[in-house]
Amino acid sequence: MAKIKKGDLVQVISGASQARGGDRGKQGKVLEVLVERNRVVVEGVNFVTKHERVGQTQRGTRTGGLETVEAPIHISNVALVDPDTKKPTRVGHRVETKTVDGVSKTVRVRYAKKSGKDL
């Protein structure tokens, strides 16, 4: 089971600090998970400039130029944010049994472990 999924709130835990122009400490929502490459795209983190070829649409408006988009970041460089404390935390799994319409199912559920100084 994946520890980080699309839509999760994560924090960058490694790299250059924000004072040095980096992204460490920034929090953002996961826009995309690239499983084969072990990378995630996080909203507002790791911006790169793309050069888009200039073209025209059928209406005659010009497209292209310079675009800034979020680039993928390695999954080991982000940590899931605990919804209670708003601090990065580790992720655990527990097995629960749920009953739906009289049928019991065993499912694995993600949960945030304790984070910060309260360990």
PDB file of N, CA and C in Angstrom:
ATOM      1  N   MET A   1       0.845  -1.179   0.000  1.00  0.00           N
ATOM      2  CA  MET A   1       0.000   0.000   0.000  1.00  0.00           C
ATOM      3  C   MET A   1       0.889   1.239   0.000  1.00  0.00           C
ATOM      4  N   ALA A   2       0.492   2.215  -0.773  1.00  0.00           N
ATOM      5  CA  ALA A   2       1.313   3.414  -0.923  1.00  0.00           C
ATOM      6  C   ALA A   2       1.234   4.280   0.326  1.00  0.00           C
ATOM      7  N   LYS A   3       2.373   4.868   0.682  1.00  0.00           N
ATOM      8  CA  LYS A   3       2.394   5.751   1.840  1.00  0.00           C
ATOM      9  C   LYS A   3       1.907   7.140   1.480  1.00  0.00           C
ATOM     10  N   ILE A   4       2.143   7.580   0.246  1.00  0.00           N
ATOM     11  CA  ILE A   4       1.718   8.909  -0.193  1.00  0.00           C
ATOM     12  C   ILE A   4       0.838   8.754  -1.414  1.00  0.00           C
ATOM     13  N   LYS A   5      -0.311   9.419  -1.376  1.00  0.00           N
ATOM     14  CA  LYS A   5      -1.278   9.319  -2.457  1.00  0.00           C
ATOM     15  C   LYS A   5      -1.622  10.700  -2.984  1.00  0.00           C
ATOM     16  N   LYS A   6      -2.269  10.727  -4.124  1.00  0.00           N
ATOM     17  CA  LYS A   6      -2.711  11.979  -4.720  1.00  0.00           C
ATOM     18  C   LYS A   6      -3.696  12.659  -3.770  1.00  0.00           C
ATOM     19  N   GLY A   7      -3.504  13.959  -3.556  1.00  0.00           N
ATOM     20  CA  GLY A   7      -4.389  14.714  -2.676  1.00  0.00           C
ATOM     21  C   GLY A   7      -3.883  14.851  -1.256  1.00  0.00           C
ATOM     22  N   ASP A   8      -2.827  14.116  -0.878  1.00  0.00           N
ATOM     23  CA  ASP A   8      -2.270  14.211   0.469  1.00  0.00           C
ATOM     24  C   ASP A   8      -1.537  15.536   0.653  1.00  0.00           C
ATOM     25  N   LEU A   9      -1.512  16.012   1.889  1.00  0.00           N
ATOM     26  CA  LEU A   9      -0.727  17.186   2.238  1.00  0.00           C
ATOM     27  C   LEU A   9       0.639  16.696   2.707  1.00  0.00           C
ATOM     28  N   VAL A  10       1.710  17.157   2.018  1.00  0.00           N
ATOM     29  CA  VAL A  10       3.060  16.715   2.351  1.00  0.00           C
ATOM     30  C   VAL A  10       3.957  17.922   2.587  1.00  0.00           C
ATOM     31  N   GLN A  11       5.098  17.668   3.228  1.00  0.00           N
ATOM     32  CA  GLN A  11       6.094  18.704   3.475  1.00  0.00           C
ATOM     33  C   GLN A  11       7.438  18.220   2.945  1.00  0.00           C
ATOM     34  N   VAL A  12       8.179  19.128   2.309  1.00  0.00           N
ATOM     35  CA  VAL A  12       9.519  18.800   1.806  1.00  0.00           C
ATOM     36  C   VAL A  12      10.456  18.771   2.999  1.00  0.00           C
ATOM     37  N   ILE A  13      11.197  17.663   3.163  1.00  0.00           N
ATOM     38  CA  ILE A  13      12.036  17.495   4.352  1.00  0.00           C
ATOM     39  C   ILE A  13      13.522  17.537   4.038  1.00  0.00           C
ATOM     40  N   SER A  14      13.902  17.656   2.766  1.00  0.00           N
ATOM     41  CA  SER A  14      15.327  17.717   2.441  1.00  0.00           C
ATOM     42  C   SER A  14      15.548  18.666   1.284  1.00  0.00           C
ATOM     43  N   GLY A  15      16.809  19.027   1.080  1.00  0.00           N
ATOM     44  CA  GLY A  15      17.170  19.964   0.030  1.00  0.00           C
ATOM     45  C   GLY A  15      17.572  21.297   0.630  1.00  0.00           C
ATOM     46  N   ALA A  16      17.709  22.286  -0.237  1.00  0.00           N
ATOM     47  CA  ALA A  16      18.122  23.615   0.214  1.00  0.00           C
ATOM     48  C   ALA A  16      16.999  24.280   0.997  1.00  0.00           C
ATOM     49  N   SER A  17      17.372  25.058   2.027  1.00  0.00           N
ATOM     50  CA  SER A  17      16.371  25.748   2.834  1.00  0.00           C
ATOM     51  C   SER A  17      15.771  26.895   2.048  1.00  0.00           C
ATOM     52  N   GLN A  18      14.651  27.412   2.521  1.00  0.00           N
ATOM     53  CA  GLN A  18      13.976  28.508   1.836  1.00  0.00           C
ATOM     54  C   GLN A  18      14.821  29.771   1.845  1.00  0.00           C
ATOM     55  N   ALA A  19      15.654  29.942   2.868  1.00  0.00           N
ATOM     56  CA  ALA A  19      16.535  31.107   2.928  1.00  0.00           C
ATOM     57  C   ALA A  19      17.567  31.090   1.809  1.00  0.00           C
ATOM     58  N   ARG A  20      17.911  29.900   1.320  1.00  0.00           N
ATOM     59  CA  ARG A  20      18.886  29.773   0.241  1.00  0.00           C
ATOM     60  C   ARG A  20      18.219  29.538  -1.110  1.00  0.00           C
ATOM     61  N   GLY A  21      16.913  29.775  -1.182  1.00  0.00           N
ATOM     62  CA  GLY A  21      16.209  29.642  -2.447  1.00  0.00           C
ATOM     63  C   GLY A  21      15.664  28.259  -2.723  1.00  0.00           C
ATOM     64  N   GLY A  22      15.664  27.387  -1.732  1.00  0.00           N
ATOM     65  CA  GLY A  22      15.181  26.022  -1.917  1.00  0.00           C
ATOM     66  C   GLY A  22      13.738  25.871  -1.488  1.00  0.00           C
ATOM     67  N   ASP A  23      13.319  24.629  -1.350  1.00  0.00           N
ATOM     68  CA  ASP A  23      11.926  24.326  -1.022  1.00  0.00           C
ATOM     69  C   ASP A  23      11.744  23.594   0.303  1.00  0.00           C
ATOM     70  N   ARG A  24      12.846  23.351   1.054  1.00  0.00           N
ATOM     71  CA  ARG A  24      12.709  22.598   2.298  1.00  0.00           C
ATOM     72  C   ARG A  24      11.805  23.347   3.274  1.00  0.00           C
ATOM     73  N   GLY A  25      10.859  22.629   3.857  1.00  0.00           N
ATOM     74  CA  GLY A  25       9.929  23.224   4.807  1.00  0.00           C
ATOM     75  C   GLY A  25       8.599  23.614   4.184  1.00  0.00           C
ATOM     76  N   LYS A  26       8.518  23.669   2.864  1.00  0.00           N
ATOM     77  CA  LYS A  26       7.259  24.033   2.209  1.00  0.00           C
ATOM     78  C   LYS A  26       6.276  22.876   2.269  1.00  0.00           C
ATOM     79  N   GLN A  27       5.004  23.220   2.405  1.00  0.00           N
ATOM     80  CA  GLN A  27       3.951  22.219   2.400  1.00  0.00           C
ATOM     81  C   GLN A  27       3.078  22.432   1.180  1.00  0.00           C
ATOM     82  N   GLY A  28       2.565  21.344   0.628  1.00  0.00           N
ATOM     83  CA  GLY A  28       1.701  21.433  -0.533  1.00  0.00           C
ATOM     84  C   GLY A  28       0.953  20.137  -0.756  1.00  0.00           C
ATOM     85  N   LYS A  29      -0.045  20.205  -1.615  1.00  0.00           N
ATOM     86  CA  LYS A  29      -0.879  19.055  -1.929  1.00  0.00           C
ATOM     87  C   LYS A  29      -0.235  18.263  -3.065  1.00  0.00           C
ATOM     88  N   VAL A  30      -0.314  16.941  -3.000  1.00  0.00           N
ATOM     89  CA  VAL A  30       0.242  16.088  -4.042  1.00  0.00           C
ATOM     90  C   VAL A  30      -0.692  16.131  -5.247  1.00  0.00           C
ATOM     91  N   LEU A  31      -0.149  16.557  -6.396  1.00  0.00           N
ATOM     92  CA  LEU A  31      -0.933  16.641  -7.622  1.00  0.00           C
ATOM     93  C   LEU A  31      -0.885  15.341  -8.416  1.00  0.00           C
ATOM     94  N   GLU A  32       0.254  14.638  -8.332  1.00  0.00           N
ATOM     95  CA  GLU A  32       0.442  13.444  -9.140  1.00  0.00           C
ATOM     96  C   GLU A  32       1.497  12.562  -8.485  1.00  0.00           C
ATOM     97  N   VAL A  33       1.306  11.245  -8.573  1.00  0.00           N
ATOM     98  CA  VAL A  33       2.291  10.284  -8.071  1.00  0.00           C
ATOM     99  C   VAL A  33       2.800   9.474  -9.254  1.00  0.00           C
ATOM    100  N   LEU A  34       4.109   9.507  -9.488  1.00  0.00           N
ATOM    101  CA  LEU A  34       4.735   8.740 -10.566  1.00  0.00           C
ATOM    102  C   LEU A  34       5.361   7.496  -9.954  1.00  0.00           C
ATOM    103  N   VAL A  35       4.607   6.405  -9.921  1.00  0.00           N
ATOM    104  CA  VAL A  35       4.996   5.208  -9.177  1.00  0.00           C
ATOM    105  C   VAL A  35       6.254   4.576  -9.761  1.00  0.00           C
ATOM    106  N   GLU A  36       6.357   4.502 -11.100  1.00  0.00           N
ATOM    107  CA  GLU A  36       7.485   3.822 -11.719  1.00  0.00           C
ATOM    108  C   GLU A  36       8.800   4.542 -11.423  1.00  0.00           C
ATOM    109  N   ARG A  37       8.745   5.861 -11.301  1.00  0.00           N
ATOM    110  CA  ARG A  37       9.950   6.652 -11.087  1.00  0.00           C
ATOM    111  C   ARG A  37      10.150   7.042  -9.625  1.00  0.00           C
ATOM    112  N   ASN A  38       9.260   6.639  -8.713  1.00  0.00           N
ATOM    113  CA  ASN A  38       9.327   6.962  -7.288  1.00  0.00           C
ATOM    114  C   ASN A  38       9.360   8.471  -7.056  1.00  0.00           C
ATOM    115  N   ARG A  39       8.505   9.200  -7.746  1.00  0.00           N
ATOM    116  CA  ARG A  39       8.476  10.652  -7.637  1.00  0.00           C
ATOM    117  C   ARG A  39       7.056  11.144  -7.473  1.00  0.00           C
ATOM    118  N   VAL A  40       6.932  12.339  -6.894  1.00  0.00           N
ATOM    119  CA  VAL A  40       5.627  12.981  -6.738  1.00  0.00           C
ATOM    120  C   VAL A  40       5.727  14.424  -7.228  1.00  0.00           C
ATOM    121  N   VAL A  41       4.605  14.948  -7.720  1.00  0.00           N
ATOM    122  CA  VAL A  41       4.518  16.350  -8.112  1.00  0.00           C
ATOM    123  C   VAL A  41       3.717  17.046  -7.021  1.00  0.00           C
ATOM    124  N   VAL A  42       4.331  18.045  -6.384  1.00  0.00           N
ATOM    125  CA  VAL A  42       3.709  18.738  -5.258  1.00  0.00           C
ATOM    126  C   VAL A  42       3.377  20.169  -5.681  1.00  0.00           C
ATOM    127  N   GLU A  43       2.191  20.609  -5.306  1.00  0.00           N
ATOM    128  CA  GLU A  43       1.706  21.946  -5.652  1.00  0.00           C
ATOM    129  C   GLU A  43       2.570  23.020  -4.987  1.00  0.00           C
ATOM    130  N   GLY A  44       3.136  23.929  -5.786  1.00  0.00           N
ATOM    131  CA  GLY A  44       3.919  25.035  -5.267  1.00  0.00           C
ATOM    132  C   GLY A  44       5.354  24.713  -4.907  1.00  0.00           C
ATOM    133  N   VAL A  45       5.858  23.536  -5.312  1.00  0.00           N
ATOM    134  CA  VAL A  45       7.208  23.109  -4.949  1.00  0.00           C
ATOM    135  C   VAL A  45       7.964  22.709  -6.214  1.00  0.00           C
ATOM    136  N   ASN A  46       9.261  23.027  -6.261  1.00  0.00           N
ATOM    137  CA  ASN A  46      10.159  22.612  -7.329  1.00  0.00           C
ATOM    138  C   ASN A  46       9.713  23.157  -8.691  1.00  0.00           C
ATOM    139  N   PHE A  47       9.595  24.474  -8.787  1.00  0.00           N
ATOM    140  CA  PHE A  47       9.212  25.096 -10.050  1.00  0.00           C
ATOM    141  C   PHE A  47      10.382  25.088 -11.024  1.00  0.00           C
ATOM    142  N   VAL A  48      10.109  24.772 -12.287  1.00  0.00           N
ATOM    143  CA  VAL A  48      11.086  24.850 -13.356  1.00  0.00           C
ATOM    144  C   VAL A  48      10.489  25.662 -14.492  1.00  0.00           C
ATOM    145  N   THR A  49      11.347  26.234 -15.329  1.00  0.00           N
ATOM    146  CA  THR A  49      10.889  27.021 -16.466  1.00  0.00           C
ATOM    147  C   THR A  49      10.942  26.157 -17.714  1.00  0.00           C
ATOM    148  N   LYS A  50       9.800  26.040 -18.395  1.00  0.00           N
ATOM    149  CA  LYS A  50       9.726  25.280 -19.637  1.00  0.00           C
ATOM    150  C   LYS A  50       9.592  26.255 -20.795  1.00  0.00           C
ATOM    151  N   HIS A  51      10.275  25.975 -21.868  1.00  0.00           N
ATOM    152  CA  HIS A  51      10.161  26.768 -23.088  1.00  0.00           C
ATOM    153  C   HIS A  51       9.156  26.076 -23.999  1.00  0.00           C
ATOM    154  N   GLU A  52       8.066  26.743 -24.255  1.00  0.00           N
ATOM    155  CA  GLU A  52       6.997  26.187 -25.071  1.00  0.00           C
ATOM    156  C   GLU A  52       7.084  26.814 -26.468  1.00  0.00           C
ATOM    157  N   ARG A  53       7.006  25.993 -27.492  1.00  0.00           N
ATOM    158  CA  ARG A  53       7.115  26.488 -28.866  1.00  0.00           C
ATOM    159  C   ARG A  53       5.954  27.432 -29.181  1.00  0.00           C
ATOM    160  N   VAL A  54       6.263  28.530 -29.848  1.00  0.00           N
ATOM    161  CA  VAL A  54       5.243  29.513 -30.191  1.00  0.00           C
ATOM    162  C   VAL A  54       4.407  28.980 -31.336  1.00  0.00           C
ATOM    163  N   GLY A  55       3.102  29.076 -31.156  1.00  0.00           N
ATOM    164  CA  GLY A  55       2.176  28.629 -32.193  1.00  0.00           C
ATOM    165  C   GLY A  55       0.939  29.505 -32.175  1.00  0.00           C
ATOM    166  N   GLN A  56      -0.033  29.128 -32.974  1.00  0.00           N
ATOM    167  CA  GLN A  56      -1.287  29.872 -33.014  1.00  0.00           C
ATOM    168  C   GLN A  56      -2.438  28.895 -32.896  1.00  0.00           C
ATOM    169  N   THR A  57      -3.488  29.326 -32.194  1.00  0.00           N
ATOM    170  CA  THR A  57      -4.703  28.539 -32.147  1.00  0.00           C
ATOM    171  C   THR A  57      -5.544  28.890 -33.371  1.00  0.00           C
ATOM    172  N   GLN A  58      -6.655  28.220 -33.538  1.00  0.00           N
ATOM    173  CA  GLN A  58      -7.516  28.488 -34.689  1.00  0.00           C
ATOM    174  C   GLN A  58      -8.132  29.880 -34.613  1.00  0.00           C
ATOM    175  N   ARG A  59      -8.244  30.426 -33.429  1.00  0.00           N
ATOM    176  CA  ARG A  59      -8.806  31.770 -33.271  1.00  0.00           C
ATOM    177  C   ARG A  59      -7.788  32.860 -33.572  1.00  0.00           C
ATOM    178  N   GLY A  60      -6.529  32.486 -33.679  1.00  0.00           N
ATOM    179  CA  GLY A  60      -5.511  33.457 -33.995  1.00  0.00           C
ATOM    180  C   GLY A  60      -4.699  33.932 -32.812  1.00  0.00           C
ATOM    181  N   THR A  61      -4.994  33.448 -31.601  1.00  0.00           N
ATOM    182  CA  THR A  61      -4.217  33.860 -30.433  1.00  0.00           C
ATOM    183  C   THR A  61      -2.905  33.082 -30.397  1.00  0.00           C
ATOM    184  N   ARG A  62      -1.877  33.758 -29.930  1.00  0.00           N
ATOM    185  CA  ARG A  62      -0.559  33.137 -29.887  1.00  0.00           C
ATOM    186  C   ARG A  62      -0.410  32.328 -28.596  1.00  0.00           C
ATOM    187  N   THR A  63       0.224  31.191 -28.729  1.00  0.00           N
ATOM    188  CA  THR A  63       0.506  30.344 -27.564  1.00  0.00           C
ATOM    189  C   THR A  63       2.008  30.172 -27.461  1.00  0.00           C
ATOM    190  N   GLY A  64       2.451  29.648 -26.349  1.00  0.00           N
ATOM    191  CA  GLY A  64       3.866  29.354 -26.174  1.00  0.00           C
ATOM    192  C   GLY A  64       4.584  30.403 -25.362  1.00  0.00           C
ATOM    193  N   GLY A  65       5.899  30.318 -25.358  1.00  0.00           N
ATOM    194  CA  GLY A  65       6.720  31.222 -24.572  1.00  0.00           C
ATOM    195  C   GLY A  65       7.295  30.497 -23.369  1.00  0.00           C
ATOM    196  N   LEU A  66       7.550  31.240 -22.299  1.00  0.00           N
ATOM    197  CA  LEU A  66       8.092  30.657 -21.078  1.00  0.00           C
ATOM    198  C   LEU A  66       6.959  30.297 -20.128  1.00  0.00           C
ATOM    199  N   GLU A  67       7.027  29.098 -19.575  1.00  0.00           N
ATOM    200  CA  GLU A  67       6.022  28.613 -18.625  1.00  0.00           C
ATOM    201  C   GLU A  67       6.739  28.114 -17.383  1.00  0.00           C
ATOM    202  N   THR A  68       6.184  28.365 -16.211  1.00  0.00           N
ATOM    203  CA  THR A  68       6.737  27.764 -15.001  1.00  0.00           C
ATOM    204  C   THR A  68       5.770  26.689 -14.532  1.00  0.00           C
ATOM    205  N   VAL A  69       6.300  25.493 -14.340  1.00  0.00           N
ATOM    206  CA  VAL A  69       5.490  24.349 -13.927  1.00  0.00           C
ATOM    207  C   VAL A  69       6.210  23.617 -12.798  1.00  0.00           C
ATOM    208  N   GLU A  70       5.450  22.813 -12.043  1.00  0.00           N
ATOM    209  CA  GLU A  70       6.037  22.012 -10.971  1.00  0.00           C
ATOM    210  C   GLU A  70       6.691  20.775 -11.573  1.00  0.00           C
ATOM    211  N   ALA A  71       7.906  20.493 -11.155  1.00  0.00           N
ATOM    212  CA  ALA A  71       8.626  19.304 -11.603  1.00  0.00           C
ATOM    213  C   ALA A  71       8.517  18.231 -10.516  1.00  0.00           C
ATOM    214  N   PRO A  72       8.683  16.964 -10.882  1.00  0.00           N
ATOM    215  CA  PRO A  72       8.616  15.897  -9.882  1.00  0.00           C
ATOM    216  C   PRO A  72       9.767  15.981  -8.886  1.00  0.00           C
ATOM    217  N   ILE A  73       9.506  15.526  -7.665  1.00  0.00           N
ATOM    218  CA  ILE A  73      10.502  15.475  -6.606  1.00  0.00           C
ATOM    219  C   ILE A  73      10.489  14.043  -6.067  1.00  0.00           C
ATOM    220  N   HIS A  74      11.648  13.548  -5.637  1.00  0.00           N
ATOM    221  CA  HIS A  74      11.718  12.161  -5.184  1.00  0.00           C
ATOM    222  C   HIS A  74      10.850  11.962  -3.945  1.00  0.00           C
ATOM    223  N   ILE A  75      10.220  10.810  -3.874  1.00  0.00           N
ATOM    224  CA  ILE A  75       9.247  10.533  -2.809  1.00  0.00           C
ATOM    225  C   ILE A  75       9.910  10.463  -1.435  1.00  0.00           C
ATOM    226  N   SER A  76      11.231  10.189  -1.399  1.00  0.00           N
ATOM    227  CA  SER A  76      11.928  10.123  -0.112  1.00  0.00           C
ATOM    228  C   SER A  76      12.195  11.510   0.456  1.00  0.00           C
ATOM    229  N   ASN A  77      12.025  12.546  -0.351  1.00  0.00           N
ATOM    230  CA  ASN A  77      12.283  13.911   0.102  1.00  0.00           C
ATOM    231  C   ASN A  77      11.048  14.608   0.645  1.00  0.00           C
ATOM    232  N   VAL A  78       9.930  13.904   0.721  1.00  0.00           N
ATOM    233  CA  VAL A  78       8.707  14.483   1.281  1.00  0.00           C
ATOM    234  C   VAL A  78       8.179  13.582   2.385  1.00  0.00           C
ATOM    235  N   ALA A  79       7.448  14.182   3.322  1.00  0.00           N
ATOM    236  CA  ALA A  79       6.834  13.428   4.417  1.00  0.00           C
ATOM    237  C   ALA A  79       5.379  13.861   4.542  1.00  0.00           C
ATOM    238  N   LEU A  80       4.531  12.925   4.847  1.00  0.00           N
ATOM    239  CA  LEU A  80       3.122  13.205   5.038  1.00  0.00           C
ATOM    240  C   LEU A  80       2.939  14.109   6.254  1.00  0.00           C
ATOM    241  N   VAL A  81       2.002  15.063   6.176  1.00  0.00           N
ATOM    242  CA  VAL A  81       1.754  15.998   7.270  1.00  0.00           C
ATOM    243  C   VAL A  81       0.609  15.455   8.124  1.00  0.00           C
ATOM    244  N   ASP A  82       0.841  15.409   9.438  1.00  0.00           N
ATOM    245  CA  ASP A  82      -0.187  14.975  10.385  1.00  0.00           C
ATOM    246  C   ASP A  82      -1.303  16.008  10.397  1.00  0.00           C
ATOM    247  N   PRO A  83      -2.564  15.617  10.155  1.00  0.00           N
ATOM    248  CA  PRO A  83      -3.647  16.602  10.109  1.00  0.00           C
ATOM    249  C   PRO A  83      -3.901  17.304  11.450  1.00  0.00           C
ATOM    250  N   ASP A  84      -3.514  16.683  12.567  1.00  0.00           N
ATOM    251  CA  ASP A  84      -3.755  17.288  13.877  1.00  0.00           C
ATOM    252  C   ASP A  84      -2.696  18.331  14.231  1.00  0.00           C
ATOM    253  N   THR A  85      -1.412  17.959  14.085  1.00  0.00           N
ATOM    254  CA  THR A  85      -0.332  18.841  14.526  1.00  0.00           C
ATOM    255  C   THR A  85       0.247  19.701  13.407  1.00  0.00           C
ATOM    256  N   LYS A  86      -0.098  19.398  12.159  1.00  0.00           N
ATOM    257  CA  LYS A  86       0.431  20.115  10.980  1.00  0.00           C
ATOM    258  C   LYS A  86       1.946  20.015  10.877  1.00  0.00           C
ATOM    259  N   LYS A  87       2.512  18.906  11.372  1.00  0.00           N
ATOM    260  CA  LYS A  87       3.942  18.647  11.290  1.00  0.00           C
ATOM    261  C   LYS A  87       4.166  17.381  10.482  1.00  0.00           C
ATOM    262  N   PRO A  88       5.355  17.235   9.850  1.00  0.00           N
ATOM    263  CA  PRO A  88       5.614  16.007   9.095  1.00  0.00           C
ATOM    264  C   PRO A  88       5.671  14.808  10.025  1.00  0.00           C
ATOM    265  N   THR A  89       5.178  13.690   9.535  1.00  0.00           N
ATOM    266  CA  THR A  89       5.096  12.498  10.358  1.00  0.00           C
ATOM    267  C   THR A  89       5.326  11.255   9.521  1.00  0.00           C
ATOM    268  N   ARG A  90       5.537  10.145  10.179  1.00  0.00           N
ATOM    269  CA  ARG A  90       5.668   8.869   9.497  1.00  0.00           C
ATOM    270  C   ARG A  90       4.290   8.251   9.336  1.00  0.00           C
ATOM    271  N   VAL A  91       4.188   7.314   8.413  1.00  0.00           N
ATOM    272  CA  VAL A  91       2.899   6.708   8.086  1.00  0.00           C
ATOM    273  C   VAL A  91       2.915   5.256   8.498  1.00  0.00           C
ATOM    274  N   GLY A  92       1.834   4.810   9.133  1.00  0.00           N
ATOM    275  CA  GLY A  92       1.697   3.412   9.493  1.00  0.00           C
ATOM    276  C   GLY A  92       0.445   2.832   8.868  1.00  0.00           C
ATOM    277  N   HIS A  93       0.316   1.513   8.954  1.00  0.00           N
ATOM    278  CA  HIS A  93      -0.863   0.824   8.446  1.00  0.00           C
ATOM    279  C   HIS A  93      -1.412  -0.065   9.549  1.00  0.00           C
ATOM    280  N   ARG A  94      -2.705  -0.159   9.602  1.00  0.00           N
ATOM    281  CA  ARG A  94      -3.326  -1.101  10.533  1.00  0.00           C
ATOM    282  C   ARG A  94      -4.445  -1.830   9.801  1.00  0.00           C
ATOM    283  N   VAL A  95      -4.719  -3.028  10.249  1.00  0.00           N
ATOM    284  CA  VAL A  95      -5.732  -3.859   9.614  1.00  0.00           C
ATOM    285  C   VAL A  95      -7.027  -3.693  10.393  1.00  0.00           C
ATOM    286  N   GLU A  96      -8.089  -3.354   9.670  1.00  0.00           N
ATOM    287  CA  GLU A  96      -9.395  -3.185  10.293  1.00  0.00           C
ATOM    288  C   GLU A  96     -10.401  -4.049   9.548  1.00  0.00           C
ATOM    289  N   THR A  97     -11.426  -4.453  10.268  1.00  0.00           N
ATOM    290  CA  THR A  97     -12.516  -5.184   9.619  1.00  0.00           C
ATOM    291  C   THR A  97     -13.731  -4.280   9.575  1.00  0.00           C
ATOM    292  N   LYS A  98     -14.283  -4.139   8.392  1.00  0.00           N
ATOM    293  CA  LYS A  98     -15.458  -3.296   8.210  1.00  0.00           C
ATOM    294  C   LYS A  98     -16.600  -4.162   7.719  1.00  0.00           C
ATOM    295  N   THR A  99     -17.802  -3.871   8.190  1.00  0.00           N
ATOM    296  CA  THR A  99     -18.971  -4.602   7.738  1.00  0.00           C
ATOM    297  C   THR A  99     -19.840  -3.671   6.897  1.00  0.00           C
ATOM    298  N   VAL A 100     -20.101  -4.107   5.683  1.00  0.00           N
ATOM    299  CA  VAL A 100     -20.954  -3.359   4.773  1.00  0.00           C
ATOM    300  C   VAL A 100     -22.024  -4.304   4.265  1.00  0.00           C
ATOM    301  N   ASP A 101     -23.267  -3.998   4.559  1.00  0.00           N
ATOM    302  CA  ASP A 101     -24.417  -4.827   4.145  1.00  0.00           C
ATOM    303  C   ASP A 101     -24.294  -6.263   4.637  1.00  0.00           C
ATOM    304  N   GLY A 102     -23.814  -6.423   5.852  1.00  0.00           N
ATOM    305  CA  GLY A 102     -23.697  -7.747   6.452  1.00  0.00           C
ATOM    306  C   GLY A 102     -22.466  -8.528   6.030  1.00  0.00           C
ATOM    307  N   VAL A 103     -21.636  -7.971   5.156  1.00  0.00           N
ATOM    308  CA  VAL A 103     -20.428  -8.647   4.696  1.00  0.00           C
ATOM    309  C   VAL A 103     -19.235  -7.958   5.355  1.00  0.00           C
ATOM    310  N   SER A 104     -18.396  -8.744   6.042  1.00  0.00           N
ATOM    311  CA  SER A 104     -17.230  -8.157   6.705  1.00  0.00           C
ATOM    312  C   SER A 104     -16.021  -8.261   5.780  1.00  0.00           C
ATOM    313  N   LYS A 105     -15.279  -7.164   5.700  1.00  0.00           N
ATOM    314  CA  LYS A 105     -14.092  -7.096   4.869  1.00  0.00           C
ATOM    315  C   LYS A 105     -12.912  -6.702   5.725  1.00  0.00           C
ATOM    316  N   THR A 106     -11.742  -7.221   5.405  1.00  0.00           N
ATOM    317  CA  THR A 106     -10.520  -6.830   6.069  1.00  0.00           C
ATOM    318  C   THR A 106      -9.794  -5.859   5.160  1.00  0.00           C
ATOM    319  N   VAL A 107      -9.527  -4.637   5.662  1.00  0.00           N
ATOM    320  CA  VAL A 107      -8.869  -3.618   4.855  1.00  0.00           C
ATOM    321  C   VAL A 107      -7.685  -3.054   5.621  1.00  0.00           C
ATOM    322  N   ARG A 108      -6.687  -2.575   4.854  1.00  0.00           N
ATOM    323  CA  ARG A 108      -5.553  -1.897   5.464  1.00  0.00           C
ATOM    324  C   ARG A 108      -5.802  -0.406   5.400  1.00  0.00           C
ATOM    325  N   VAL A 109      -5.593   0.277   6.526  1.00  0.00           N
ATOM    326  CA  VAL A 109      -5.884   1.701   6.627  1.00  0.00           C
ATOM    327  C   VAL A 109      -4.596   2.432   7.003  1.00  0.00           C
ATOM    328  N   ARG A 110      -4.327   3.571   6.318  1.00  0.00           N
ATOM    329  CA  ARG A 110      -3.167   4.400   6.657  1.00  0.00           C
ATOM    330  C   ARG A 110      -3.518   5.257   7.869  1.00  0.00           C
ATOM    331  N   TYR A 111      -2.520   5.510   8.697  1.00  0.00           N
ATOM    332  CA  TYR A 111      -2.695   6.461   9.794  1.00  0.00           C
ATOM    333  C   TYR A 111      -1.383   7.154  10.062  1.00  0.00           C
ATOM    334  N   ALA A 112      -1.469   8.371  10.575  1.00  0.00           N
ATOM    335  CA  ALA A 112      -0.272   9.159  10.890  1.00  0.00           C
ATOM    336  C   ALA A 112       0.229   8.781  12.272  1.00  0.00           C
ATOM    337  N   LYS A 113       1.504   8.414  12.350  1.00  0.00           N
ATOM    338  CA  LYS A 113       2.094   8.110  13.646  1.00  0.00           C
ATOM    339  C   LYS A 113       2.337   9.414  14.396  1.00  0.00           C
ATOM    340  N   LYS A 114       2.701   9.326  15.664  1.00  0.00           N
ATOM    341  CA  LYS A 114       2.949  10.544  16.444  1.00  0.00           C
ATOM    342  C   LYS A 114       4.108  11.306  15.848  1.00  0.00           C
ATOM    343  N   SER A 115       3.976  12.655  15.839  1.00  0.00           N
ATOM    344  CA  SER A 115       5.019  13.469  15.242  1.00  0.00           C
ATOM    345  C   SER A 115       5.495  14.507  16.241  1.00  0.00           C
ATOM    346  N   GLY A 116       6.685  15.021  15.969  1.00  0.00           N
ATOM    347  CA  GLY A 116       7.211  16.110  16.793  1.00  0.00           C
ATOM    348  C   GLY A 116       7.805  15.627  18.094  1.00  0.00           C
ATOM    349  N   LYS A 117       7.726  16.496  19.126  1.00  0.00           N
ATOM    350  CA  LYS A 117       8.358  16.224  20.422  1.00  0.00           C
ATOM    351  C   LYS A 117       7.519  15.321  21.321  1.00  0.00           C
ATOM    352  N   ASP A 118       6.261  15.032  20.922  1.00  0.00           N
ATOM    353  CA  ASP A 118       5.377  14.287  21.826  1.00  0.00           C
ATOM    354  C   ASP A 118       5.535  12.779  21.659  1.00  0.00           C
ATOM    355  N   LEU A 119       6.707  12.288  21.257  1.00  0.00           N
ATOM    356  CA  LEU A 119       6.904  10.841  21.090  1.00  0.00           C
ATOM    357  C   LEU A 119       7.055  10.140  22.414  1.00  0.00           C
TER     358      LEU A 119
END
